[in-house]
Amino acid sequence: TMLWDRLLKEKKRKTFLDRLRWWLSLMLALTIGLSVAAGIGRPELSGLGRDVRNITVVIDNSATMATRTADGFTRWDHAVSHAGRFLRQGSASGSFLILDTSGQAPPREPGDRRSALEALAELTVSLGEEPGFPDLPEADAEIVFISDGVMVDGAPPGVTLVSVFEPADNVGITAFEIEALPSEPTRYQAFVQMKNASPVAKQITLRLSAATEGGLRDTLTLQAGETAARFIDLGSFGRGPVRARVITDSDAFGADDYAYGFLPIRTQTRVALITPGSTYLENVLADEARLFLDVMSPAEYNSQVSADIFIFDRFAPPEAPGGPALLFLPPDVEWLTPTLGVVDAPEVPGWNSAHPVLRFVALEDLRIDRAARIGGESGGESGSEVVVGNSALPLIVVSEQPERVVRVSFALEDSNFPLHPGFPIFLANSLGWLMDEQVALARTPGRIEVPLAMAAVTDLEGREVTTWRLSDRTVFLADQPGLYTAVSGADQGDQRRGQRLRVAVNLSSMERSSINDSGLDSNEVTAAASTVVAAAEPGPSEELWIVLLALALLLVVVEWVTYHRRLTV
């Protein structure tokens, strides 16, 4: 009994102290929690003695801003650093706005500092867009323009101009094309134009490589500012992607070192010619070394015949063949649009020389004795296009659903077409188009539109690219040079039967490669208001969140010390 009485007396003596320690611990914990929570919100106070200023920063994010400087950073890195410092000037009660020369920043009214800094963090260098000085809001503000002075000028009067320009070495590809020889449409050559934009002479190595071959190599020396071009025969290359690359020492701008294209040929194309007899077709096709020609009569043809391309002369099978086809005056069959009659000595009302099957083909002297009038609104199957003639009298019609078809509404024997110099070219063009053998569409980095609906897009490594599908076209973004493939009918799951387009995205720009064509000096500041440059960054009294987080850290230390001294629980 005496032991329990003593213990209860001790507990009563310590009750008030224990409560005090508990309340002290609770207050410290609450203060720490509130300080951390408030600090995460990054609040600011208007510092005493600081002017309330409205600051608008326009930052140049054109292609040449990706140039690497001597310290290993880029002009863009330096511009972002400058922009951050300017946005942190003045009182937090002011208004702030970030704009760019490529239109990446969303349109908005001047707001708080944090929103402007967040918008700045989202900006990147735009390689392909045409830059320009943006429209400024009507609000009264101090305007700062940060640029290297190469691609964007025309800043309005009163703007503070801050230069991030620094001379640098660069050698780039300013033009790259793969094109057929007009005299031999089945032979291709590459045209490469290079520029030495460095302030000194450079030795350059040019490399052309394909998917499977080792490629070609050339070495040349260019003086400062000199441009050179090369025509390179691609006879040793097989069908597929072609990449051009220039290599030199100390190159500070890598975006123009590469260029891509597509070589639209096959090493061996199997062609089945089904004809009752045509010396014109057999002779022209036999002269093409890249073709493996199999000639047969209509009686010898059956649905089991396999070929890359089918050519039907005055014949058509009851069912569509298992591949693309070129037809000359076919009879009426179920898979072709029927003919409505025969027209004697028709005039040639015109032709679409822009279509791939008529590339380098002149038809001014084409004479036709008789031709079939094809029915249908467009002179043929669904999705067809008249390339020679018009909708009332289609003479040559192309279609792409489900397989590609070129349909000629007259027989070669009923015209002078096989005697034309352009007839072999027409055959080569048609075979290339039927096999989807086209050079790639040329585009610059940025927003790319391809004239295919519901298309899937993949890059050179086969990775799928995010697309936005519109009613009659597909849009995707390509930030860097590369070769992309778009295939229509992606939603049907069978991409092999859809139309295919290749897109070569290259910088290939004399203006963008000329990274030293600037009217600004290094680190130049042309200030209409010197206070903008001289002002300091906000101190701890304005950046309240720093004070709150420091207070939380201090209280954690105090809590730890008092706990170990048994002053708190």
Protein backbone atom coordinates (compact mmCIF):
# COMPACT_ATOMS: atom_id res chain seq x y z
CA THR A 1 0.00 0.00 0.00
CA MET A 2 2.81 2.44 0.84
CA LEU A 3 4.44 1.72 -2.55
CA TRP A 4 1.28 2.52 -4.53
CA ASP A 5 0.65 5.71 -2.50
CA ARG A 6 4.15 6.93 -3.31
CA LEU A 7 3.76 6.16 -7.02
CA LEU A 8 0.47 8.08 -7.27
CA LYS A 9 2.01 11.09 -5.53
CA GLU A 10 4.88 11.12 -8.04
CA LYS A 11 2.39 10.94 -10.95
CA LYS A 12 0.40 13.87 -9.60
CA ARG A 13 3.55 15.99 -9.25
CA LYS A 14 4.49 15.40 -12.91
CA THR A 15 1.09 15.75 -14.53
CA PHE A 16 1.36 19.47 -15.28
CA LEU A 17 4.93 19.16 -16.66
CA ASP A 18 3.94 16.25 -18.85
CA ARG A 19 1.04 18.22 -20.28
CA LEU A 20 3.27 21.18 -20.94
CA ARG A 21 5.77 18.98 -22.77
CA TRP A 22 2.97 17.42 -24.79
CA TRP A 23 1.55 20.80 -25.83
CA LEU A 24 5.03 22.06 -26.73
CA SER A 25 5.62 18.99 -28.93
CA LEU A 26 2.22 19.46 -30.59
CA MET A 27 2.90 23.14 -31.35
CA LEU A 28 6.31 22.32 -32.85
CA ALA A 29 4.83 19.56 -35.04
CA LEU A 30 1.98 21.79 -36.24
CA THR A 31 4.35 24.66 -37.00
CA ILE A 32 6.68 22.36 -38.95
CA GLY A 33 3.79 20.90 -40.94
CA LEU A 34 2.25 24.29 -41.76
CA SER A 35 5.64 25.73 -42.77
CA VAL A 36 6.33 22.84 -45.14
CA ALA A 37 2.81 22.97 -46.62
CA ALA A 38 2.99 26.72 -47.16
CA GLY A 39 6.53 26.51 -48.58
CA ILE A 40 5.48 23.94 -51.19
CA GLY A 41 3.11 26.57 -52.60
CA ARG A 42 6.14 28.87 -53.18
CA PRO A 43 4.48 32.08 -51.90
CA GLU A 44 6.15 35.44 -52.48
CA LEU A 45 5.93 38.76 -50.73
CA SER A 46 6.31 42.16 -52.25
CA GLY A 47 9.68 43.21 -50.95
CA LEU A 48 10.01 46.62 -49.37
CA GLY A 49 11.70 49.14 -51.62
CA ARG A 50 11.10 47.04 -54.77
CA ASP A 51 9.32 48.61 -57.72
CA VAL A 52 6.21 46.96 -59.08
CA ARG A 53 7.29 46.19 -62.67
CA ASN A 54 5.61 44.48 -65.60
CA ILE A 55 8.13 42.39 -67.56
CA THR A 56 7.62 40.63 -70.91
CA VAL A 57 10.41 38.35 -72.14
CA VAL A 58 10.53 37.29 -75.79
CA ILE A 59 12.92 34.38 -76.31
CA ASP A 60 14.25 33.29 -79.69
CA ASN A 61 13.80 29.53 -80.15
CA SER A 62 14.64 29.32 -83.86
CA ALA A 63 16.87 26.52 -85.20
CA THR A 64 20.26 28.22 -84.81
CA MET A 65 19.68 28.61 -81.07
CA ALA A 66 20.62 24.91 -80.80
CA THR A 67 24.24 25.83 -81.62
CA ARG A 68 26.70 24.64 -78.99
CA THR A 69 28.91 27.31 -77.41
CA ALA A 70 32.48 27.06 -76.13
CA ASP A 71 31.37 26.15 -72.58
CA GLY A 72 29.51 23.03 -73.78
CA PHE A 73 26.04 24.55 -73.39
CA THR A 74 23.92 25.85 -76.28
CA ARG A 75 22.76 29.33 -77.14
CA TRP A 76 19.31 28.14 -76.07
CA ASP A 77 20.58 27.11 -72.63
CA HIS A 78 22.05 30.58 -72.13
CA ALA A 79 18.86 32.24 -73.39
CA VAL A 80 16.70 30.27 -70.93
CA SER A 81 19.06 31.22 -68.10
CA HIS A 82 18.83 34.92 -69.04
CA ALA A 83 15.03 34.71 -69.36
CA GLY A 84 14.72 33.15 -65.90
CA ARG A 85 16.76 35.94 -64.35
CA PHE A 86 14.68 38.64 -66.01
CA LEU A 87 11.41 37.04 -64.94
CA ARG A 88 12.63 36.98 -61.33
CA GLN A 89 13.26 40.72 -61.29
CA GLY A 90 10.97 43.25 -59.71
CA SER A 91 8.25 42.77 -57.15
CA ALA A 92 6.02 39.72 -57.04
CA SER A 93 3.07 42.11 -57.39
CA GLY A 94 4.07 42.85 -60.99
CA SER A 95 2.86 41.02 -64.10
CA PHE A 96 5.03 38.71 -66.18
CA LEU A 97 4.76 37.17 -69.64
CA ILE A 98 6.93 34.81 -71.71
CA LEU A 99 6.67 34.73 -75.53
CA ASP A 100 8.70 32.92 -78.19
CA THR A 101 9.47 33.34 -81.88
CA SER A 102 8.03 29.98 -83.01
CA GLY A 103 4.59 30.23 -81.41
CA GLN A 104 5.06 27.45 -78.84
CA ALA A 105 4.02 29.51 -75.83
CA PRO A 106 0.22 29.50 -75.45
CA PRO A 107 -1.46 32.88 -75.98
CA ARG A 108 -2.23 34.45 -72.65
CA GLU A 109 -2.37 37.75 -70.84
CA PRO A 110 0.44 38.80 -68.49
CA GLY A 111 0.11 37.00 -65.15
CA ASP A 112 2.10 36.01 -62.11
CA ARG A 113 5.78 35.14 -62.12
CA ARG A 114 5.24 31.43 -61.52
CA SER A 115 3.04 31.00 -64.61
CA ALA A 116 5.64 32.72 -66.77
CA LEU A 117 8.43 30.50 -65.42
CA GLU A 118 6.34 27.39 -66.04
CA ALA A 119 5.70 28.50 -69.63
CA LEU A 120 9.44 29.08 -70.08
CA ALA A 121 10.20 25.53 -68.89
CA GLU A 122 7.92 24.09 -71.59
CA LEU A 123 9.66 25.82 -74.52
CA THR A 124 12.13 24.04 -76.81
CA VAL A 125 14.15 24.89 -79.90
CA SER A 126 12.03 24.63 -83.06
CA LEU A 127 14.11 23.40 -86.00
CA GLY A 128 11.58 23.68 -88.80
CA GLU A 129 9.05 26.41 -88.06
CA GLU A 130 9.50 29.79 -89.70
CA PRO A 131 10.32 32.11 -86.78
CA GLY A 132 9.17 35.67 -86.35
CA PHE A 133 8.87 38.30 -83.64
CA PRO A 134 5.51 37.73 -81.92
CA ASP A 135 2.71 40.21 -81.47
CA LEU A 136 3.04 42.00 -78.15
CA PRO A 137 0.16 42.67 -75.76
CA GLU A 138 -1.01 46.25 -75.41
CA ALA A 139 -0.23 46.31 -71.69
CA ASP A 140 2.54 48.65 -70.61
CA ALA A 141 5.58 46.49 -69.84
CA GLU A 142 9.36 46.34 -70.06
CA ILE A 143 10.14 44.11 -73.04
CA VAL A 144 13.29 42.00 -73.27
CA PHE A 145 14.26 40.10 -76.45
CA ILE A 146 16.88 37.33 -76.07
CA SER A 147 18.31 36.10 -79.37
CA ASP A 148 21.39 35.11 -81.36
CA GLY A 149 20.33 37.53 -84.11
CA VAL A 150 20.56 34.98 -86.95
CA MET A 151 17.01 34.12 -88.03
CA VAL A 152 14.86 36.67 -86.22
CA ASP A 153 15.07 40.42 -86.48
CA GLY A 154 12.59 43.24 -86.63
CA ALA A 155 12.21 43.81 -82.90
CA PRO A 156 10.18 46.99 -82.33
CA PRO A 157 11.82 50.14 -80.93
CA GLY A 158 12.22 50.33 -77.17
CA VAL A 159 12.90 46.62 -76.72
CA THR A 160 15.89 45.56 -74.65
CA LEU A 161 17.96 43.23 -76.86
CA VAL A 162 20.16 40.64 -75.13
CA SER A 163 22.54 38.66 -77.34
CA VAL A 164 23.53 35.04 -76.74
CA PHE A 165 25.47 34.89 -80.01
CA GLU A 166 28.90 33.33 -80.05
CA PRO A 167 30.80 32.39 -83.25
CA ALA A 168 31.01 28.64 -83.83
CA ASP A 169 32.08 26.10 -86.44
CA ASN A 170 29.49 24.35 -88.56
CA VAL A 171 29.35 22.28 -91.72
CA GLY A 172 25.90 21.21 -92.85
CA ILE A 173 23.85 19.62 -95.63
CA THR A 174 21.79 22.39 -97.19
CA ALA A 175 20.06 20.29 -99.88
CA PHE A 176 19.52 16.57 -100.42
CA GLU A 177 17.40 14.95 -103.12
CA ILE A 178 17.10 11.53 -104.69
CA GLU A 179 15.82 11.83 -108.25
CA ALA A 180 15.51 9.74 -111.39
CA LEU A 181 17.60 10.52 -114.45
CA PRO A 182 15.30 12.01 -117.13
CA SER A 183 16.96 9.86 -119.81
CA GLU A 184 16.77 6.67 -117.71
CA PRO A 185 13.89 6.82 -115.20
CA THR A 186 14.94 3.54 -113.57
CA ARG A 187 18.34 4.97 -112.64
CA TYR A 188 18.63 7.31 -109.68
CA GLN A 189 21.16 9.78 -108.40
CA ALA A 190 21.55 11.72 -105.18
CA PHE A 191 22.11 15.46 -105.16
CA VAL A 192 23.94 16.70 -102.04
CA GLN A 193 24.75 20.34 -101.33
CA MET A 194 27.01 21.23 -98.41
CA LYS A 195 28.08 24.50 -96.84
CA ASN A 196 30.98 25.39 -94.58
CA ALA A 197 29.46 28.05 -92.32
CA SER A 198 32.58 28.12 -90.12
CA PRO A 199 34.87 31.16 -89.95
CA VAL A 200 37.79 28.89 -91.02
CA ALA A 201 38.43 26.29 -93.74
CA LYS A 202 37.24 22.75 -93.01
CA GLN A 203 38.02 19.27 -94.28
CA ILE A 204 34.74 17.41 -94.73
CA THR A 205 33.88 13.76 -95.10
CA LEU A 206 30.62 13.01 -96.92
CA ARG A 207 29.10 9.57 -96.40
CA LEU A 208 26.12 8.01 -98.15
CA SER A 209 24.81 4.81 -96.62
CA ALA A 210 21.86 2.51 -97.24
CA ALA A 211 20.11 -0.06 -95.11
CA THR A 212 22.27 -2.99 -96.23
CA GLU A 213 25.25 -1.65 -98.21
CA GLY A 214 28.42 -0.11 -96.87
CA GLY A 215 27.76 3.04 -98.87
CA LEU A 216 29.94 5.66 -100.52
CA ARG A 217 32.46 8.10 -99.11
CA ASP A 218 33.98 11.35 -100.37
CA THR A 219 36.41 13.83 -98.80
CA LEU A 220 36.68 17.49 -99.72
CA THR A 221 37.93 20.80 -98.32
CA LEU A 222 35.74 23.89 -98.17
CA GLN A 223 36.91 27.39 -97.41
CA ALA A 224 35.05 29.59 -94.92
CA GLY A 225 31.56 30.31 -96.29
CA GLU A 226 32.05 28.07 -99.34
CA THR A 227 29.30 25.86 -100.76
CA ALA A 228 29.81 22.68 -102.80
CA ALA A 229 27.50 20.18 -104.51
CA ARG A 230 27.85 16.56 -105.56
CA PHE A 231 25.82 14.32 -107.90
CA ILE A 232 26.26 10.72 -106.80
CA ASP A 233 25.13 7.72 -108.85
CA LEU A 234 23.10 5.28 -106.74
CA GLY A 235 23.42 2.34 -109.12
CA SER A 236 25.17 0.27 -106.45
CA PHE A 237 22.42 0.90 -103.87
CA GLY A 238 19.42 -1.31 -103.35
CA ARG A 239 15.87 -0.23 -102.69
CA GLY A 240 15.36 1.40 -99.30
CA PRO A 241 16.39 4.30 -97.05
CA VAL A 242 19.46 6.38 -97.89
CA ARG A 243 21.22 8.56 -95.33
CA ALA A 244 23.70 11.33 -96.09
CA ARG A 245 26.06 12.56 -93.39
CA VAL A 246 28.81 15.17 -93.23
CA ILE A 247 31.60 14.86 -90.67
CA THR A 248 34.13 17.47 -89.60
CA ASP A 249 35.92 18.47 -86.43
CA SER A 250 34.41 20.83 -83.82
CA ASP A 251 30.96 20.94 -85.42
CA ALA A 252 28.73 22.97 -83.10
CA PHE A 253 25.38 22.45 -84.88
CA GLY A 254 24.47 18.80 -85.36
CA ALA A 255 20.92 19.14 -86.71
CA ASP A 256 22.12 19.72 -90.30
CA ASP A 257 24.74 16.96 -90.34
CA TYR A 258 22.22 14.34 -91.52
CA ALA A 259 19.73 14.09 -94.38
CA TYR A 260 17.45 11.22 -95.38
CA GLY A 261 15.83 9.95 -98.55
CA PHE A 262 14.33 6.83 -100.07
CA LEU A 263 15.60 5.00 -103.15
CA PRO A 264 12.52 3.70 -105.03
CA ILE A 265 13.91 0.73 -106.96
CA ARG A 266 14.04 -3.04 -106.56
CA THR A 267 16.93 -5.29 -107.41
CA GLN A 268 14.57 -7.72 -109.16
CA THR A 269 10.90 -7.16 -109.94
CA ARG A 270 8.83 -10.08 -111.22
CA VAL A 271 6.53 -8.94 -114.03
CA ALA A 272 3.89 -11.19 -115.59
CA LEU A 273 2.93 -9.99 -119.09
CA ILE A 274 -0.30 -11.57 -120.29
CA THR A 275 -0.84 -10.70 -123.96
CA PRO A 276 -2.03 -12.25 -127.21
CA GLY A 277 1.15 -10.79 -128.64
CA SER A 278 2.73 -7.32 -128.31
CA THR A 279 6.15 -6.62 -129.74
CA TYR A 280 6.13 -3.13 -128.20
CA LEU A 281 5.65 -4.29 -124.63
CA GLU A 282 7.94 -7.31 -124.87
CA ASN A 283 10.85 -5.32 -126.35
CA VAL A 284 10.66 -2.44 -123.88
CA LEU A 285 10.31 -4.68 -120.83
CA ALA A 286 13.06 -7.06 -121.98
CA ASP A 287 15.54 -4.17 -122.11
CA GLU A 288 15.09 -3.44 -118.39
CA ALA A 289 17.71 -5.41 -116.47
CA ARG A 290 15.93 -5.04 -113.14
CA LEU A 291 12.87 -6.92 -114.36
CA PHE A 292 12.29 -10.65 -114.38
CA LEU A 293 9.78 -10.94 -117.24
CA ASP A 294 7.37 -13.86 -117.64
CA VAL A 295 5.37 -13.66 -120.89
CA MET A 296 2.27 -15.80 -121.36
CA SER A 297 -0.91 -15.90 -123.41
CA PRO A 298 -4.36 -15.32 -121.89
CA ALA A 299 -5.05 -19.05 -122.16
CA GLU A 300 -1.98 -19.82 -120.05
CA TYR A 301 -2.93 -17.45 -117.24
CA ASN A 302 -4.66 -18.66 -114.08
CA SER A 303 -5.20 -17.33 -110.56
CA GLN A 304 -2.17 -19.24 -109.28
CA VAL A 305 0.28 -17.13 -111.30
CA SER A 306 2.55 -15.21 -108.93
CA ALA A 307 4.22 -11.88 -109.75
CA ASP A 308 5.04 -8.49 -108.27
CA ILE A 309 3.21 -6.71 -111.11
CA PHE A 310 0.69 -7.94 -113.67
CA ILE A 311 0.42 -6.40 -117.16
CA PHE A 312 -2.73 -7.36 -119.07
CA ASP A 313 -2.82 -6.49 -122.75
CA ARG A 314 -6.36 -6.62 -124.24
CA PHE A 315 -7.24 -9.16 -121.58
CA ALA A 316 -8.45 -9.21 -117.97
CA PRO A 317 -9.07 -12.22 -115.73
CA PRO A 318 -12.50 -12.83 -114.18
CA GLU A 319 -11.07 -12.08 -110.72
CA ALA A 320 -8.63 -9.38 -109.68
CA PRO A 321 -4.99 -10.55 -109.60
CA GLY A 322 -3.05 -10.84 -106.37
CA GLY A 323 -1.06 -7.67 -106.93
CA PRO A 324 -0.97 -4.30 -108.72
CA ALA A 325 -1.81 -4.30 -112.43
CA LEU A 326 -1.33 -2.32 -115.63
CA LEU A 327 -4.09 -2.91 -118.19
CA PHE A 328 -4.34 -1.92 -121.85
CA LEU A 329 -7.91 -1.94 -123.22
CA PRO A 330 -9.24 -4.66 -120.90
CA PRO A 331 -12.62 -6.27 -121.61
CA ASP A 332 -15.49 -5.90 -119.18
CA VAL A 333 -15.03 -8.02 -116.06
CA GLU A 334 -16.68 -7.80 -112.67
CA TRP A 335 -13.78 -6.18 -110.82
CA LEU A 336 -13.38 -3.36 -113.36
CA THR A 337 -15.74 -0.50 -114.16
CA PRO A 338 -17.62 -1.40 -117.35
CA THR A 339 -17.15 0.45 -120.62
CA LEU A 340 -20.01 2.42 -122.13
CA GLY A 341 -18.95 2.32 -125.74
CA VAL A 342 -16.19 3.02 -128.23
CA VAL A 343 -15.01 6.48 -129.33
CA ASP A 344 -13.30 6.85 -132.71
CA ALA A 345 -10.31 9.18 -133.10
CA PRO A 346 -10.74 10.87 -129.70
CA GLU A 347 -8.91 14.07 -128.93
CA VAL A 348 -6.57 14.15 -125.95
CA PRO A 349 -8.05 16.95 -123.82
CA GLY A 350 -5.17 17.08 -121.35
CA TRP A 351 -3.08 15.20 -118.83
CA ASN A 352 -1.77 15.53 -115.30
CA SER A 353 2.00 15.79 -115.71
CA ALA A 354 2.39 16.04 -111.92
CA HIS A 355 1.30 12.43 -111.38
CA PRO A 356 4.21 9.97 -110.94
CA VAL A 357 3.18 7.80 -113.91
CA LEU A 358 3.56 10.78 -116.27
CA ARG A 359 6.83 12.14 -114.91
CA PHE A 360 9.00 13.26 -117.90
CA VAL A 361 6.29 12.03 -120.33
CA ALA A 362 5.12 14.45 -123.06
CA LEU A 363 1.86 13.65 -124.86
CA GLU A 364 1.47 16.59 -127.25
CA ASP A 365 1.59 14.37 -130.35
CA LEU A 366 -0.41 11.44 -129.02
CA ARG A 367 -2.83 10.09 -131.63
CA ILE A 368 -5.50 7.48 -130.85
CA ASP A 369 -7.62 5.70 -133.50
CA ARG A 370 -10.21 4.34 -131.07
CA ALA A 371 -10.69 4.15 -127.31
CA ALA A 372 -13.21 2.72 -124.88
CA ARG A 373 -15.35 5.11 -122.86
CA ILE A 374 -15.07 4.05 -119.21
CA GLY A 375 -18.07 4.52 -116.97
CA GLY A 376 -18.15 5.97 -113.44
CA GLU A 377 -17.95 9.52 -112.14
CA SER A 378 -14.14 9.60 -112.22
CA GLY A 379 -13.76 7.28 -115.16
CA GLY A 380 -13.16 4.16 -113.12
CA GLU A 381 -13.12 2.43 -109.78
CA SER A 382 -13.73 4.01 -106.39
CA GLY A 383 -10.90 6.36 -105.48
CA SER A 384 -9.70 6.56 -109.09
CA GLU A 385 -8.08 9.55 -110.79
CA VAL A 386 -7.96 10.49 -114.46
CA VAL A 387 -4.38 11.31 -115.43
CA VAL A 388 -4.92 11.49 -119.21
CA GLY A 389 -8.22 12.82 -120.59
CA ASN A 390 -11.10 14.11 -118.47
CA SER A 391 -14.13 12.80 -116.61
CA ALA A 392 -16.15 12.67 -119.83
CA LEU A 393 -13.47 10.74 -121.71
CA PRO A 394 -10.88 9.15 -119.41
CA LEU A 395 -7.99 7.72 -121.41
CA ILE A 396 -5.63 6.66 -118.61
CA VAL A 397 -7.00 6.12 -115.12
CA VAL A 398 -5.19 5.20 -111.90
CA SER A 399 -6.74 3.83 -108.72
CA GLU A 400 -5.46 2.61 -105.36
CA GLN A 401 -8.20 0.51 -103.76
CA PRO A 402 -7.47 -2.19 -102.81
CA GLU A 403 -4.47 -2.70 -105.11
CA ARG A 404 -2.95 -0.08 -107.37
CA VAL A 405 -4.18 -0.20 -110.95
CA VAL A 406 -3.24 1.75 -114.10
CA ARG A 407 -5.91 1.36 -116.77
CA VAL A 408 -5.34 2.50 -120.36
CA SER A 409 -8.59 2.70 -122.33
CA PHE A 410 -6.99 2.07 -125.72
CA ALA A 411 -4.81 -0.64 -127.25
CA LEU A 412 -1.22 0.19 -128.15
CA GLU A 413 -1.89 -1.04 -131.68
CA ASP A 414 -4.65 1.56 -131.99
CA SER A 415 -2.37 4.54 -131.27
CA ASN A 416 1.08 5.98 -131.88
CA PHE A 417 1.85 5.85 -128.16
CA PRO A 418 4.42 2.99 -128.40
CA LEU A 419 6.34 5.04 -130.98
CA HIS A 420 6.66 8.00 -128.62
CA PRO A 421 10.01 8.62 -126.86
CA GLY A 422 8.03 8.86 -123.63
CA PHE A 423 6.50 5.38 -123.88
CA PRO A 424 9.40 3.52 -122.18
CA ILE A 425 9.41 6.23 -119.53
CA PHE A 426 5.67 5.77 -119.02
CA LEU A 427 6.16 2.03 -118.53
CA ALA A 428 9.01 2.55 -116.05
CA ASN A 429 7.01 5.18 -114.15
CA SER A 430 3.93 2.95 -114.03
CA LEU A 431 5.91 -0.02 -112.74
CA GLY A 432 7.51 2.15 -110.09
CA TRP A 433 4.18 3.63 -109.00
CA LEU A 434 2.46 0.24 -108.96
CA MET A 435 5.18 -1.08 -106.66
CA ASP A 436 4.82 1.98 -104.45
CA GLU A 437 8.26 3.03 -105.65
CA GLN A 438 8.23 6.79 -105.13
CA VAL A 439 10.83 9.11 -103.76
CA ALA A 440 9.99 10.37 -100.29
CA LEU A 441 8.02 13.56 -99.71
CA ALA A 442 10.38 16.33 -98.60
CA ARG A 443 9.44 18.11 -95.38
CA THR A 444 11.17 20.18 -92.70
CA PRO A 445 11.02 19.34 -88.97
CA GLY A 446 7.88 20.34 -87.14
CA ARG A 447 4.22 19.66 -87.87
CA ILE A 448 3.93 17.23 -90.79
CA GLU A 449 0.77 16.60 -92.83
CA VAL A 450 0.46 13.61 -95.17
CA PRO A 451 -2.45 13.29 -97.64
CA LEU A 452 -3.58 9.95 -96.23
CA ALA A 453 -6.62 9.45 -94.05
CA MET A 454 -6.42 7.29 -90.91
CA ALA A 455 -2.71 6.54 -91.43
CA ALA A 456 -0.24 4.93 -89.07
CA VAL A 457 3.24 6.53 -89.01
CA THR A 458 6.50 4.84 -88.05
CA ASP A 459 10.06 6.14 -87.94
CA LEU A 460 13.16 4.56 -89.50
CA GLU A 461 13.57 2.16 -86.56
CA GLY A 462 9.95 0.99 -86.82
CA ARG A 463 8.71 2.84 -83.74
CA GLU A 464 5.15 4.12 -84.02
CA VAL A 465 4.74 7.90 -83.96
CA THR A 466 1.81 9.66 -82.31
CA THR A 467 -0.62 10.96 -84.94
CA TRP A 468 -3.69 13.17 -85.15
CA ARG A 469 -6.13 11.89 -87.75
CA LEU A 470 -8.27 14.34 -89.67
CA SER A 471 -10.95 13.58 -92.24
CA ASP A 472 -8.68 13.48 -95.29
CA ARG A 473 -5.14 13.59 -93.89
CA THR A 474 -2.94 12.60 -90.99
CA VAL A 475 -0.78 14.91 -88.89
CA PHE A 476 2.28 14.05 -86.81
CA LEU A 477 5.20 15.88 -85.22
CA ALA A 478 8.83 15.32 -86.26
CA ASP A 479 11.22 17.29 -84.07
CA GLN A 480 14.38 15.89 -85.66
CA PRO A 481 15.48 14.89 -89.18
CA GLY A 482 14.55 11.33 -90.13
CA LEU A 483 12.67 9.08 -92.54
CA TYR A 484 9.04 8.27 -91.72
CA THR A 485 6.56 5.87 -93.32
CA ALA A 486 2.81 6.55 -93.37
CA VAL A 487 0.41 3.72 -94.24
CA SER A 488 -3.30 4.33 -94.75
CA GLY A 489 -5.97 1.94 -93.58
CA ALA A 490 -4.30 1.51 -90.17
CA ASP A 491 -7.67 1.00 -88.47
CA GLN A 492 -8.43 -1.97 -90.70
CA GLY A 493 -5.47 -3.82 -89.23
CA ASP A 494 -3.90 -4.80 -92.59
CA GLN A 495 -1.35 -2.13 -93.35
CA ARG A 496 0.08 -4.08 -96.28
CA ARG A 497 -2.97 -3.29 -98.42
CA GLY A 498 -3.08 0.42 -97.67
CA GLN A 499 -1.48 3.27 -99.55
CA ARG A 500 2.07 3.97 -98.41
CA LEU A 501 3.96 7.26 -98.36
CA ARG A 502 7.45 7.96 -97.13
CA VAL A 503 8.37 11.33 -95.69
CA ALA A 504 11.97 12.55 -95.55
CA VAL A 505 12.24 15.16 -92.81
CA ASN A 506 15.44 17.16 -93.30
CA LEU A 507 16.68 20.53 -92.10
CA SER A 508 18.41 21.18 -95.46
CA SER A 509 18.34 24.95 -95.21
CA MET A 510 21.03 27.43 -96.16
CA GLU A 511 19.61 29.92 -93.65
CA ARG A 512 19.56 27.48 -90.74
CA SER A 513 23.07 26.20 -91.44
CA SER A 514 24.46 29.76 -91.51
CA ILE A 515 24.75 29.92 -87.73
CA ASN A 516 27.22 32.85 -87.79
CA ASP A 517 25.14 35.24 -89.93
CA SER A 518 24.29 37.49 -87.01
CA GLY A 519 24.33 41.24 -86.65
CA LEU A 520 24.90 40.94 -82.91
CA ASP A 521 28.11 40.80 -80.94
CA SER A 522 28.75 38.21 -78.27
CA ASN A 523 26.92 39.03 -75.01
CA GLU A 524 25.74 42.36 -76.42
CA VAL A 525 23.00 44.19 -74.53
CA THR A 526 21.17 47.03 -76.24
CA ALA A 527 18.92 48.35 -73.48
CA ALA A 528 16.27 51.00 -73.76
CA ALA A 529 16.03 50.89 -69.98
CA SER A 530 19.27 50.03 -68.22
CA THR A 531 17.42 49.23 -65.01
CA VAL A 532 16.18 46.02 -66.58
CA VAL A 533 19.71 44.68 -66.86
CA ALA A 534 21.02 46.11 -63.61
CA ALA A 535 18.20 44.91 -61.38
CA ALA A 536 19.00 42.10 -58.96
CA GLU A 537 17.17 38.89 -58.31
CA PRO A 538 14.64 38.86 -55.46
CA GLY A 539 16.07 38.28 -52.01
CA PRO A 540 14.86 36.05 -49.20
CA SER A 541 12.46 38.73 -47.96
CA GLU A 542 10.49 38.38 -51.21
CA GLU A 543 10.85 34.64 -51.71
CA LEU A 544 8.74 33.79 -48.65
CA TRP A 545 8.72 30.06 -49.40
CA ILE A 546 12.47 29.93 -48.75
CA VAL A 547 11.92 31.47 -45.32
CA LEU A 548 9.14 29.01 -44.54
CA LEU A 549 11.17 25.97 -45.53
CA ALA A 550 14.17 27.24 -43.58
CA LEU A 551 11.91 27.76 -40.53
CA ALA A 552 10.60 24.19 -40.88
CA LEU A 553 14.15 22.84 -41.00
CA LEU A 554 15.13 24.89 -37.93
CA LEU A 555 12.11 23.64 -35.97
CA VAL A 556 12.94 20.03 -36.87
CA VAL A 557 16.38 20.55 -35.33
CA VAL A 558 14.84 22.17 -32.24
CA GLU A 559 12.40 19.28 -31.90
CA TRP A 560 15.22 16.77 -32.13
CA VAL A 561 17.30 18.57 -29.45
CA THR A 562 14.39 19.08 -27.03
CA TYR A 563 13.27 15.48 -27.42
CA HIS A 564 16.67 14.13 -26.49
CA ARG A 565 16.80 16.54 -23.53
CA ARG A 566 13.35 15.24 -22.48
CA LEU A 567 11.81 18.67 -22.85
CA THR A 568 9.29 17.39 -25.40
CA VAL A 569 7.67 14.06 -26.05
